[in-house]
Amino acid sequence: MDVALLHGFADPDNPVPALGERWNSRIEPFRSALHRILAVDPISLAMEDMSARYNITNAQLSSTFDRLKRGKINPTPDFHARLASLFLTRSDAQNYMVFGDPAASLRIPS
């Protein structure tokens, strides 16, 4: 395990979940995917939140780089830390796979 993997599950800026929340908000796409897979939803629908997380962070990263190249952002040490955090979040949100036999179905007792 390395810092990047842990970065996907825990928010270093907010390590303790808010009052009343059981999980950190970064774990929600994983929880949602697992819940939908166990509910026997199609895998593409189950992974929808994971894809949305990647798309949103990728758009934020692209926009930030564009503004940086245009000179609209003054790169400070704090900016670089936030940029690194966004890059780790984006990198962690991509390339998840679910393996299994597509002809098999889950037998989950009610």
PDB file of N, CA and C in Angstrom:
ATOM      1  N   MET A   1       0.839  -1.177   0.000  1.00  0.00           N
ATOM      2  CA  MET A   1       0.000   0.000   0.000  1.00  0.00           C
ATOM      3  C   MET A   1       0.882   1.237   0.000  1.00  0.00           C
ATOM      4  N   ASP A   2       0.386   2.247  -0.644  1.00  0.00           N
ATOM      5  CA  ASP A   2       1.112   3.503  -0.603  1.00  0.00           C
ATOM      6  C   ASP A   2       0.139   4.637  -0.312  1.00  0.00           C
ATOM      7  N   VAL A   3       0.669   5.824  -0.244  1.00  0.00           N
ATOM      8  CA  VAL A   3      -0.145   6.994   0.110  1.00  0.00           C
ATOM      9  C   VAL A   3      -1.262   7.212  -0.891  1.00  0.00           C
ATOM     10  N   ALA A   4      -1.000   6.967  -2.173  1.00  0.00           N
ATOM     11  CA  ALA A   4      -2.015   7.213  -3.199  1.00  0.00           C
ATOM     12  C   ALA A   4      -3.231   6.318  -2.996  1.00  0.00           C
ATOM     13  N   LEU A   5      -3.028   5.052  -2.640  1.00  0.00           N
ATOM     14  CA  LEU A   5      -4.160   4.164  -2.413  1.00  0.00           C
ATOM     15  C   LEU A   5      -4.981   4.641  -1.223  1.00  0.00           C
ATOM     16  N   LEU A   6      -4.307   4.986  -0.144  1.00  0.00           N
ATOM     17  CA  LEU A   6      -5.024   5.456   1.038  1.00  0.00           C
ATOM     18  C   LEU A   6      -5.720   6.787   0.781  1.00  0.00           C
ATOM     19  N   HIS A   7      -5.193   7.577  -0.138  1.00  0.00           N
ATOM     20  CA  HIS A   7      -5.763   8.871  -0.472  1.00  0.00           C
ATOM     21  C   HIS A   7      -7.172   8.718  -1.050  1.00  0.00           C
ATOM     22  N   GLY A   8      -7.442   7.610  -1.697  1.00  0.00           N
ATOM     23  CA  GLY A   8      -8.754   7.384  -2.284  1.00  0.00           C
ATOM     24  C   GLY A   8      -9.831   7.109  -1.268  1.00  0.00           C
ATOM     25  N   PHE A   9      -9.444   6.651  -0.087  1.00  0.00           N
ATOM     26  CA  PHE A   9     -10.423   6.288   0.925  1.00  0.00           C
ATOM     27  C   PHE A   9     -10.533   7.290   2.062  1.00  0.00           C
ATOM     28  N   ALA A  10      -9.481   8.039   2.303  1.00  0.00           N
ATOM     29  CA  ALA A  10      -9.479   8.991   3.409  1.00  0.00           C
ATOM     30  C   ALA A  10      -9.115  10.371   2.881  1.00  0.00           C
ATOM     31  N   ASP A  11      -9.753  11.375   3.403  1.00  0.00           N
ATOM     32  CA  ASP A  11      -9.496  12.748   2.991  1.00  0.00           C
ATOM     33  C   ASP A  11      -8.500  13.366   3.971  1.00  0.00           C
ATOM     34  N   PRO A  12      -7.275  13.651   3.517  1.00  0.00           N
ATOM     35  CA  PRO A  12      -6.287  14.207   4.449  1.00  0.00           C
ATOM     36  C   PRO A  12      -6.679  15.577   4.986  1.00  0.00           C
ATOM     37  N   ASP A  13      -7.510  16.319   4.253  1.00  0.00           N
ATOM     38  CA  ASP A  13      -7.955  17.627   4.728  1.00  0.00           C
ATOM     39  C   ASP A  13      -9.090  17.509   5.740  1.00  0.00           C
ATOM     40  N   ASN A  14      -9.762  16.364   5.760  1.00  0.00           N
ATOM     41  CA  ASN A  14     -10.884  16.157   6.661  1.00  0.00           C
ATOM     42  C   ASN A  14     -10.861  14.695   7.116  1.00  0.00           C
ATOM     43  N   PRO A  15      -9.901  14.305   7.984  1.00  0.00           N
ATOM     44  CA  PRO A  15      -9.722  12.893   8.323  1.00  0.00           C
ATOM     45  C   PRO A  15     -10.853  12.280   9.143  1.00  0.00           C
ATOM     46  N   VAL A  16     -11.610  13.093   9.846  1.00  0.00           N
ATOM     47  CA  VAL A  16     -12.698  12.576  10.672  1.00  0.00           C
ATOM     48  C   VAL A  16     -14.024  12.877   9.977  1.00  0.00           C
ATOM     49  N   PRO A  17     -14.853  11.851   9.732  1.00  0.00           N
ATOM     50  CA  PRO A  17     -16.149  12.110   9.094  1.00  0.00           C
ATOM     51  C   PRO A  17     -16.988  13.085   9.910  1.00  0.00           C
ATOM     52  N   ALA A  18     -17.842  13.821   9.218  1.00  0.00           N
ATOM     53  CA  ALA A  18     -18.714  14.784   9.887  1.00  0.00           C
ATOM     54  C   ALA A  18     -19.656  14.057  10.845  1.00  0.00           C
ATOM     55  N   LEU A  19     -20.158  14.796  11.808  1.00  0.00           N
ATOM     56  CA  LEU A  19     -21.065  14.234  12.789  1.00  0.00           C
ATOM     57  C   LEU A  19     -22.270  13.625  12.077  1.00  0.00           C
ATOM     58  N   GLY A  20     -22.595  12.409  12.394  1.00  0.00           N
ATOM     59  CA  GLY A  20     -23.722  11.726  11.778  1.00  0.00           C
ATOM     60  C   GLY A  20     -23.348  10.918  10.545  1.00  0.00           C
ATOM     61  N   GLU A  21     -22.145  11.116  10.007  1.00  0.00           N
ATOM     62  CA  GLU A  21     -21.694  10.338   8.855  1.00  0.00           C
ATOM     63  C   GLU A  21     -20.906   9.145   9.346  1.00  0.00           C
ATOM     64  N   ARG A  22     -21.213   7.996   8.786  1.00  0.00           N
ATOM     65  CA  ARG A  22     -20.512   6.789   9.200  1.00  0.00           C
ATOM     66  C   ARG A  22     -19.185   6.640   8.469  1.00  0.00           C
ATOM     67  N   TRP A  23     -19.161   7.071   7.212  1.00  0.00           N
ATOM     68  CA  TRP A  23     -17.978   6.933   6.367  1.00  0.00           C
ATOM     69  C   TRP A  23     -17.538   8.286   5.857  1.00  0.00           C
ATOM     70  N   ASN A  24     -16.290   8.379   5.486  1.00  0.00           N
ATOM     71  CA  ASN A  24     -15.782   9.552   4.808  1.00  0.00           C
ATOM     72  C   ASN A  24     -16.441   9.615   3.429  1.00  0.00           C
ATOM     73  N   SER A  25     -16.671  10.795   2.903  1.00  0.00           N
ATOM     74  CA  SER A  25     -17.366  10.937   1.621  1.00  0.00           C
ATOM     75  C   SER A  25     -16.610  10.290   0.467  1.00  0.00           C
ATOM     76  N   ARG A  26     -15.305  10.128   0.586  1.00  0.00           N
ATOM     77  CA  ARG A  26     -14.535   9.514  -0.497  1.00  0.00           C
ATOM     78  C   ARG A  26     -14.808   8.030  -0.647  1.00  0.00           C
ATOM     79  N   ILE A  27     -15.335   7.381   0.370  1.00  0.00           N
ATOM     80  CA  ILE A  27     -15.622   5.951   0.296  1.00  0.00           C
ATOM     81  C   ILE A  27     -16.978   5.687  -0.365  1.00  0.00           C
ATOM     82  N   GLU A  28     -17.798   6.719  -0.504  1.00  0.00           N
ATOM     83  CA  GLU A  28     -19.158   6.547  -1.013  1.00  0.00           C
ATOM     84  C   GLU A  28     -19.222   5.885  -2.391  1.00  0.00           C
ATOM     85  N   PRO A  29     -18.408   6.266  -3.388  1.00  0.00           N
ATOM     86  CA  PRO A  29     -18.503   5.564  -4.680  1.00  0.00           C
ATOM     87  C   PRO A  29     -18.205   4.066  -4.581  1.00  0.00           C
ATOM     88  N   PHE A  30     -17.285   3.672  -3.716  1.00  0.00           N
ATOM     89  CA  PHE A  30     -16.978   2.255  -3.524  1.00  0.00           C
ATOM     90  C   PHE A  30     -18.151   1.547  -2.853  1.00  0.00           C
ATOM     91  N   ARG A  31     -18.712   2.170  -1.830  1.00  0.00           N
ATOM     92  CA  ARG A  31     -19.854   1.592  -1.120  1.00  0.00           C
ATOM     93  C   ARG A  31     -21.042   1.451  -2.053  1.00  0.00           C
ATOM     94  N   SER A  32     -21.288   2.480  -2.850  1.00  0.00           N
ATOM     95  CA  SER A  32     -22.404   2.455  -3.788  1.00  0.00           C
ATOM     96  C   SER A  32     -22.233   1.358  -4.835  1.00  0.00           C
ATOM     97  N   ALA A  33     -21.019   1.218  -5.376  1.00  0.00           N
ATOM     98  CA  ALA A  33     -20.771   0.182  -6.381  1.00  0.00           C
ATOM     99  C   ALA A  33     -21.001  -1.206  -5.786  1.00  0.00           C
ATOM    100  N   LEU A  34     -20.474  -1.442  -4.592  1.00  0.00           N
ATOM    101  CA  LEU A  34     -20.653  -2.745  -3.958  1.00  0.00           C
ATOM    102  C   LEU A  34     -22.123  -3.015  -3.675  1.00  0.00           C
ATOM    103  N   HIS A  35     -22.841  -2.034  -3.184  1.00  0.00           N
ATOM    104  CA  HIS A  35     -24.267  -2.184  -2.894  1.00  0.00           C
ATOM    105  C   HIS A  35     -25.034  -2.529  -4.172  1.00  0.00           C
ATOM    106  N   ARG A  36     -24.728  -1.832  -5.269  1.00  0.00           N
ATOM    107  CA  ARG A  36     -25.446  -2.074  -6.523  1.00  0.00           C
ATOM    108  C   ARG A  36     -25.077  -3.421  -7.140  1.00  0.00           C
ATOM    109  N   ILE A  37     -23.822  -3.845  -6.997  1.00  0.00           N
ATOM    110  CA  ILE A  37     -23.432  -5.162  -7.498  1.00  0.00           C
ATOM    111  C   ILE A  37     -24.164  -6.250  -6.728  1.00  0.00           C
ATOM    112  N   LEU A  38     -24.246  -6.103  -5.412  1.00  0.00           N
ATOM    113  CA  LEU A  38     -24.957  -7.088  -4.594  1.00  0.00           C
ATOM    114  C   LEU A  38     -26.464  -7.044  -4.826  1.00  0.00           C
ATOM    115  N   ALA A  39     -26.970  -5.926  -5.326  1.00  0.00           N
ATOM    116  CA  ALA A  39     -28.391  -5.825  -5.679  1.00  0.00           C
ATOM    117  C   ALA A  39     -28.639  -6.378  -7.080  1.00  0.00           C
ATOM    118  N   VAL A  40     -27.594  -6.941  -7.695  1.00  0.00           N
ATOM    119  CA  VAL A  40     -27.613  -7.583  -9.010  1.00  0.00           C
ATOM    120  C   VAL A  40     -27.955  -6.579 -10.112  1.00  0.00           C
ATOM    121  N   ASP A  41     -27.496  -5.342  -9.957  1.00  0.00           N
ATOM    122  CA  ASP A  41     -27.598  -4.358 -11.036  1.00  0.00           C
ATOM    123  C   ASP A  41     -26.539  -4.689 -12.082  1.00  0.00           C
ATOM    124  N   PRO A  42     -26.744  -4.274 -13.326  1.00  0.00           N
ATOM    125  CA  PRO A  42     -25.675  -4.453 -14.320  1.00  0.00           C
ATOM    126  C   PRO A  42     -24.403  -3.738 -13.855  1.00  0.00           C
ATOM    127  N   ILE A  43     -23.259  -4.335 -14.139  1.00  0.00           N
ATOM    128  CA  ILE A  43     -21.990  -3.809 -13.657  1.00  0.00           C
ATOM    129  C   ILE A  43     -21.759  -2.377 -14.136  1.00  0.00           C
ATOM    130  N   SER A  44     -22.137  -2.080 -15.382  1.00  0.00           N
ATOM    131  CA  SER A  44     -21.925  -0.719 -15.891  1.00  0.00           C
ATOM    132  C   SER A  44     -22.700   0.308 -15.066  1.00  0.00           C
ATOM    133  N   LEU A  45     -23.892  -0.053 -14.627  1.00  0.00           N
ATOM    134  CA  LEU A  45     -24.655   0.860 -13.762  1.00  0.00           C
ATOM    135  C   LEU A  45     -24.077   0.907 -12.354  1.00  0.00           C
ATOM    136  N   ALA A  46     -23.603  -0.232 -11.879  1.00  0.00           N
ATOM    137  CA  ALA A  46     -23.032  -0.275 -10.538  1.00  0.00           C
ATOM    138  C   ALA A  46     -21.785   0.598 -10.439  1.00  0.00           C
ATOM    139  N   MET A  47     -21.024   0.688 -11.515  1.00  0.00           N
ATOM    140  CA  MET A  47     -19.776   1.454 -11.512  1.00  0.00           C
ATOM    141  C   MET A  47     -19.985   2.918 -11.914  1.00  0.00           C
ATOM    142  N   GLU A  48     -21.219   3.339 -12.071  1.00  0.00           N
ATOM    143  CA  GLU A  48     -21.535   4.696 -12.519  1.00  0.00           C
ATOM    144  C   GLU A  48     -20.943   5.778 -11.613  1.00  0.00           C
ATOM    145  N   ASP A  49     -21.063   5.616 -10.306  1.00  0.00           N
ATOM    146  CA  ASP A  49     -20.527   6.616  -9.375  1.00  0.00           C
ATOM    147  C   ASP A  49     -19.009   6.689  -9.444  1.00  0.00           C
ATOM    148  N   MET A  50     -18.376   5.534  -9.677  1.00  0.00           N
ATOM    149  CA  MET A  50     -16.921   5.515  -9.807  1.00  0.00           C
ATOM    150  C   MET A  50     -16.498   6.295 -11.054  1.00  0.00           C
ATOM    151  N   SER A  51     -17.212   6.096 -12.151  1.00  0.00           N
ATOM    152  CA  SER A  51     -16.894   6.821 -13.391  1.00  0.00           C
ATOM    153  C   SER A  51     -17.142   8.314 -13.229  1.00  0.00           C
ATOM    154  N   ALA A  52     -18.216   8.676 -12.548  1.00  0.00           N
ATOM    155  CA  ALA A  52     -18.520  10.085 -12.328  1.00  0.00           C
ATOM    156  C   ALA A  52     -17.430  10.750 -11.496  1.00  0.00           C
ATOM    157  N   ARG A  53     -16.932  10.036 -10.497  1.00  0.00           N
ATOM    158  CA  ARG A  53     -15.852  10.589  -9.660  1.00  0.00           C
ATOM    159  C   ARG A  53     -14.622  10.895 -10.507  1.00  0.00           C
ATOM    160  N   TYR A  54     -14.265   9.984 -11.394  1.00  0.00           N
ATOM    161  CA  TYR A  54     -13.122  10.216 -12.276  1.00  0.00           C
ATOM    162  C   TYR A  54     -13.387  11.389 -13.209  1.00  0.00           C
ATOM    163  N   ASN A  55     -14.562  11.418 -13.825  1.00  0.00           N
ATOM    164  CA  ASN A  55     -14.881  12.492 -14.781  1.00  0.00           C
ATOM    165  C   ASN A  55     -14.835  13.869 -14.140  1.00  0.00           C
ATOM    166  N   ILE A  56     -15.364  13.981 -12.945  1.00  0.00           N
ATOM    167  CA  ILE A  56     -15.386  15.279 -12.255  1.00  0.00           C
ATOM    168  C   ILE A  56     -13.973  15.732 -11.891  1.00  0.00           C
ATOM    169  N   THR A  57     -13.185  14.837 -11.311  1.00  0.00           N
ATOM    170  CA  THR A  57     -11.834  15.240 -10.921  1.00  0.00           C
ATOM    171  C   THR A  57     -10.944  15.483 -12.138  1.00  0.00           C
ATOM    172  N   ASN A  58     -11.168  14.750 -13.218  1.00  0.00           N
ATOM    173  CA  ASN A  58     -10.401  14.983 -14.445  1.00  0.00           C
ATOM    174  C   ASN A  58     -10.731  16.359 -15.021  1.00  0.00           C
ATOM    175  N   ALA A  59     -12.000  16.738 -15.016  1.00  0.00           N
ATOM    176  CA  ALA A  59     -12.390  18.061 -15.511  1.00  0.00           C
ATOM    177  C   ALA A  59     -11.783  19.166 -14.638  1.00  0.00           C
ATOM    178  N   GLN A  60     -11.782  18.967 -13.321  1.00  0.00           N
ATOM    179  CA  GLN A  60     -11.179  19.960 -12.424  1.00  0.00           C
ATOM    180  C   GLN A  60      -9.687  20.092 -12.686  1.00  0.00           C
ATOM    181  N   LEU A  61      -9.009  18.968 -12.865  1.00  0.00           N
ATOM    182  CA  LEU A  61      -7.569  18.984 -13.115  1.00  0.00           C
ATOM    183  C   LEU A  61      -7.258  19.646 -14.452  1.00  0.00           C
ATOM    184  N   SER A  62      -8.017  19.327 -15.485  1.00  0.00           N
ATOM    185  CA  SER A  62      -7.805  19.933 -16.806  1.00  0.00           C
ATOM    186  C   SER A  62      -8.026  21.438 -16.761  1.00  0.00           C
ATOM    187  N   SER A  63      -9.080  21.854 -16.075  1.00  0.00           N
ATOM    188  CA  SER A  63      -9.381  23.275 -15.955  1.00  0.00           C
ATOM    189  C   SER A  63      -8.273  24.010 -15.190  1.00  0.00           C
ATOM    190  N   THR A  64      -7.776  23.390 -14.137  1.00  0.00           N
ATOM    191  CA  THR A  64      -6.707  24.002 -13.349  1.00  0.00           C
ATOM    192  C   THR A  64      -5.441  24.153 -14.176  1.00  0.00           C
ATOM    193  N   PHE A  65      -5.062  23.120 -14.921  1.00  0.00           N
ATOM    194  CA  PHE A  65      -3.869  23.208 -15.773  1.00  0.00           C
ATOM    195  C   PHE A  65      -4.048  24.266 -16.857  1.00  0.00           C
ATOM    196  N   ASP A  66      -5.247  24.354 -17.410  1.00  0.00           N
ATOM    197  CA  ASP A  66      -5.516  25.361 -18.440  1.00  0.00           C
ATOM    198  C   ASP A  66      -5.351  26.772 -17.871  1.00  0.00           C
ATOM    199  N   ARG A  67      -5.931  27.018 -16.693  1.00  0.00           N
ATOM    200  CA  ARG A  67      -5.809  28.334 -16.066  1.00  0.00           C
ATOM    201  C   ARG A  67      -4.364  28.631 -15.683  1.00  0.00           C
ATOM    202  N   LEU A  68      -3.615  27.608 -15.272  1.00  0.00           N
ATOM    203  CA  LEU A  68      -2.208  27.786 -14.927  1.00  0.00           C
ATOM    204  C   LEU A  68      -1.397  28.178 -16.166  1.00  0.00           C
ATOM    205  N   LYS A  69      -1.636  27.512 -17.280  1.00  0.00           N
ATOM    206  CA  LYS A  69      -0.910  27.817 -18.521  1.00  0.00           C
ATOM    207  C   LYS A  69      -1.241  29.202 -19.057  1.00  0.00           C
ATOM    208  N   ARG A  70      -2.447  29.669 -18.811  1.00  0.00           N
ATOM    209  CA  ARG A  70      -2.856  31.002 -19.266  1.00  0.00           C
ATOM    210  C   ARG A  70      -2.390  32.110 -18.327  1.00  0.00           C
ATOM    211  N   GLY A  71      -1.802  31.735 -17.219  1.00  0.00           N
ATOM    212  CA  GLY A  71      -1.301  32.726 -16.270  1.00  0.00           C
ATOM    213  C   GLY A  71      -2.360  33.298 -15.355  1.00  0.00           C
ATOM    214  N   LYS A  72      -3.498  32.613 -15.241  1.00  0.00           N
ATOM    215  CA  LYS A  72      -4.585  33.104 -14.395  1.00  0.00           C
ATOM    216  C   LYS A  72      -4.479  32.625 -12.951  1.00  0.00           C
ATOM    217  N   ILE A  73      -3.503  31.762 -12.692  1.00  0.00           N
ATOM    218  CA  ILE A  73      -3.291  31.245 -11.339  1.00  0.00           C
ATOM    219  C   ILE A  73      -1.861  31.557 -10.932  1.00  0.00           C
ATOM    220  N   ASN A  74      -1.713  32.075  -9.716  1.00  0.00           N
ATOM    221  CA  ASN A  74      -0.388  32.319  -9.157  1.00  0.00           C
ATOM    222  C   ASN A  74       0.023  31.071  -8.381  1.00  0.00           C
ATOM    223  N   PRO A  75       0.988  30.297  -8.899  1.00  0.00           N
ATOM    224  CA  PRO A  75       1.350  29.045  -8.227  1.00  0.00           C
ATOM    225  C   PRO A  75       2.073  29.287  -6.896  1.00  0.00           C
ATOM    226  N   THR A  76       1.397  28.992  -5.826  1.00  0.00           N
ATOM    227  CA  THR A  76       1.952  29.105  -4.481  1.00  0.00           C
ATOM    228  C   THR A  76       2.214  27.697  -3.947  1.00  0.00           C
ATOM    229  N   PRO A  77       2.952  27.574  -2.852  1.00  0.00           N
ATOM    230  CA  PRO A  77       3.138  26.236  -2.278  1.00  0.00           C
ATOM    231  C   PRO A  77       1.803  25.555  -1.917  1.00  0.00           C
ATOM    232  N   ASP A  78       0.843  26.346  -1.443  1.00  0.00           N
ATOM    233  CA  ASP A  78      -0.476  25.792  -1.133  1.00  0.00           C
ATOM    234  C   ASP A  78      -1.167  25.302  -2.404  1.00  0.00           C
ATOM    235  N   PHE A  79      -1.028  26.046  -3.498  1.00  0.00           N
ATOM    236  CA  PHE A  79      -1.607  25.633  -4.778  1.00  0.00           C
ATOM    237  C   PHE A  79      -1.021  24.297  -5.215  1.00  0.00           C
ATOM    238  N   HIS A  80       0.288  24.137  -5.104  1.00  0.00           N
ATOM    239  CA  HIS A  80       0.939  22.890  -5.515  1.00  0.00           C
ATOM    240  C   HIS A  80       0.464  21.708  -4.663  1.00  0.00           C
ATOM    241  N   ALA A  81       0.253  21.934  -3.379  1.00  0.00           N
ATOM    242  CA  ALA A  81      -0.253  20.871  -2.504  1.00  0.00           C
ATOM    243  C   ALA A  81      -1.665  20.464  -2.921  1.00  0.00           C
ATOM    244  N   ARG A  82      -2.522  21.453  -3.211  1.00  0.00           N
ATOM    245  CA  ARG A  82      -3.894  21.147  -3.647  1.00  0.00           C
ATOM    246  C   ARG A  82      -3.894  20.462  -5.004  1.00  0.00           C
ATOM    247  N   LEU A  83      -2.983  20.881  -5.898  1.00  0.00           N
ATOM    248  CA  LEU A  83      -2.881  20.261  -7.218  1.00  0.00           C
ATOM    249  C   LEU A  83      -2.444  18.799  -7.095  1.00  0.00           C
ATOM    250  N   ALA A  84      -1.487  18.531  -6.238  1.00  0.00           N
ATOM    251  CA  ALA A  84      -1.036  17.153  -6.017  1.00  0.00           C
ATOM    252  C   ALA A  84      -2.163  16.301  -5.447  1.00  0.00           C
ATOM    253  N   SER A  85      -2.930  16.862  -4.525  1.00  0.00           N
ATOM    254  CA  SER A  85      -4.055  16.135  -3.950  1.00  0.00           C
ATOM    255  C   SER A  85      -5.105  15.826  -5.011  1.00  0.00           C
ATOM    256  N   LEU A  86      -5.400  16.784  -5.868  1.00  0.00           N
ATOM    257  CA  LEU A  86      -6.373  16.577  -6.941  1.00  0.00           C
ATOM    258  C   LEU A  86      -5.869  15.521  -7.924  1.00  0.00           C
ATOM    259  N   PHE A  87      -4.578  15.566  -8.234  1.00  0.00           N
ATOM    260  CA  PHE A  87      -3.997  14.577  -9.150  1.00  0.00           C
ATOM    261  C   PHE A  87      -4.089  13.167  -8.558  1.00  0.00           C
ATOM    262  N   LEU A  88      -3.784  13.027  -7.266  1.00  0.00           N
ATOM    263  CA  LEU A  88      -3.889  11.717  -6.618  1.00  0.00           C
ATOM    264  C   LEU A  88      -5.325  11.221  -6.602  1.00  0.00           C
ATOM    265  N   THR A  89      -6.264  12.115  -6.327  1.00  0.00           N
ATOM    266  CA  THR A  89      -7.675  11.736  -6.313  1.00  0.00           C
ATOM    267  C   THR A  89      -8.123  11.275  -7.686  1.00  0.00           C
ATOM    268  N   ARG A  90      -7.723  12.010  -8.727  1.00  0.00           N
ATOM    269  CA  ARG A  90      -8.080  11.635 -10.097  1.00  0.00           C
ATOM    270  C   ARG A  90      -7.449  10.307 -10.483  1.00  0.00           C
ATOM    271  N   SER A  91      -6.189  10.129 -10.176  1.00  0.00           N
ATOM    272  CA  SER A  91      -5.496   8.889 -10.524  1.00  0.00           C
ATOM    273  C   SER A  91      -6.102   7.690  -9.799  1.00  0.00           C
ATOM    274  N   ASP A  92      -6.522   7.902  -8.560  1.00  0.00           N
ATOM    275  CA  ASP A  92      -7.113   6.822  -7.787  1.00  0.00           C
ATOM    276  C   ASP A  92      -8.503   6.444  -8.283  1.00  0.00           C
ATOM    277  N   ALA A  93      -9.168   7.357  -8.964  1.00  0.00           N
ATOM    278  CA  ALA A  93     -10.550   7.123  -9.382  1.00  0.00           C
ATOM    279  C   ALA A  93     -10.664   6.403 -10.722  1.00  0.00           C
ATOM    280  N   GLN A  94      -9.553   6.042 -11.319  1.00  0.00           N
ATOM    281  CA  GLN A  94      -9.637   5.413 -12.643  1.00  0.00           C
ATOM    282  C   GLN A  94      -9.206   3.950 -12.600  1.00  0.00           C
ATOM    283  N   ASN A  95      -9.619   3.243 -13.617  1.00  0.00           N
ATOM    284  CA  ASN A  95      -9.168   1.874 -13.886  1.00  0.00           C
ATOM    285  C   ASN A  95      -9.591   0.843 -12.845  1.00  0.00           C
ATOM    286  N   TYR A  96     -10.781   0.935 -12.342  1.00  0.00           N
ATOM    287  CA  TYR A  96     -11.301  -0.122 -11.485  1.00  0.00           C
ATOM    288  C   TYR A  96     -11.975  -1.157 -12.360  1.00  0.00           C
ATOM    289  N   MET A  97     -11.835  -2.420 -12.001  1.00  0.00           N
ATOM    290  CA  MET A  97     -12.415  -3.508 -12.775  1.00  0.00           C
ATOM    291  C   MET A  97     -13.144  -4.462 -11.846  1.00  0.00           C
ATOM    292  N   VAL A  98     -14.167  -5.068 -12.385  1.00  0.00           N
ATOM    293  CA  VAL A  98     -14.890  -6.107 -11.670  1.00  0.00           C
ATOM    294  C   VAL A  98     -14.739  -7.374 -12.501  1.00  0.00           C
ATOM    295  N   PHE A  99     -14.168  -8.400 -11.900  1.00  0.00           N
ATOM    296  CA  PHE A  99     -13.945  -9.659 -12.601  1.00  0.00           C
ATOM    297  C   PHE A  99     -15.029 -10.668 -12.224  1.00  0.00           C
ATOM    298  N   GLY A 100     -15.385 -11.457 -13.180  1.00  0.00           N
ATOM    299  CA  GLY A 100     -16.337 -12.524 -12.925  1.00  0.00           C
ATOM    300  C   GLY A 100     -16.852 -13.093 -14.228  1.00  0.00           C
ATOM    301  N   ASP A 101     -17.608 -14.133 -14.128  1.00  0.00           N
ATOM    302  CA  ASP A 101     -18.191 -14.789 -15.289  1.00  0.00           C
ATOM    303  C   ASP A 101     -19.479 -14.053 -15.653  1.00  0.00           C
ATOM    304  N   PRO A 102     -19.554 -13.475 -16.867  1.00  0.00           N
ATOM    305  CA  PRO A 102     -20.760 -12.728 -17.225  1.00  0.00           C
ATOM    306  C   PRO A 102     -22.003 -13.597 -17.332  1.00  0.00           C
ATOM    307  N   ALA A 103     -21.821 -14.912 -17.478  1.00  0.00           N
ATOM    308  CA  ALA A 103     -22.968 -15.812 -17.563  1.00  0.00           C
ATOM    309  C   ALA A 103     -23.456 -16.241 -16.190  1.00  0.00           C
ATOM    310  N   ALA A 104     -22.675 -15.979 -15.175  1.00  0.00           N
ATOM    311  CA  ALA A 104     -23.051 -16.380 -13.814  1.00  0.00           C
ATOM    312  C   ALA A 104     -23.905 -15.297 -13.186  1.00  0.00           C
ATOM    313  N   SER A 105     -24.745 -15.691 -12.284  1.00  0.00           N
ATOM    314  CA  SER A 105     -25.534 -14.703 -11.541  1.00  0.00           C
ATOM    315  C   SER A 105     -25.318 -14.930 -10.049  1.00  0.00           C
ATOM    316  N   LEU A 106     -25.413 -13.871  -9.310  1.00  0.00           N
ATOM    317  CA  LEU A 106     -25.222 -13.964  -7.870  1.00  0.00           C
ATOM    318  C   LEU A 106     -26.438 -14.625  -7.226  1.00  0.00           C
ATOM    319  N   ARG A 107     -26.190 -15.501  -6.319  1.00  0.00           N
ATOM    320  CA  ARG A 107     -27.265 -16.156  -5.555  1.00  0.00           C
ATOM    321  C   ARG A 107     -27.201 -15.571  -4.147  1.00  0.00           C
ATOM    322  N   ILE A 108     -27.975 -14.532  -3.931  1.00  0.00           N
ATOM    323  CA  ILE A 108     -27.973 -13.857  -2.635  1.00  0.00           C
ATOM    324  C   ILE A 108     -29.289 -14.152  -1.947  1.00  0.00           C
ATOM    325  N   PRO A 109     -29.242 -14.831  -0.792  1.00  0.00           N
ATOM    326  CA  PRO A 109     -30.489 -15.142  -0.090  1.00  0.00           C
ATOM    327  C   PRO A 109     -31.171 -13.863   0.399  1.00  0.00           C
ATOM    328  N   SER A 110     -32.478 -13.886   0.362  1.00  0.00           N
ATOM    329  CA  SER A 110     -33.248 -12.710   0.804  1.00  0.00           C
ATOM    330  C   SER A 110     -33.360 -12.662   2.294  1.00  0.00           C
TER     331      SER A 110
END
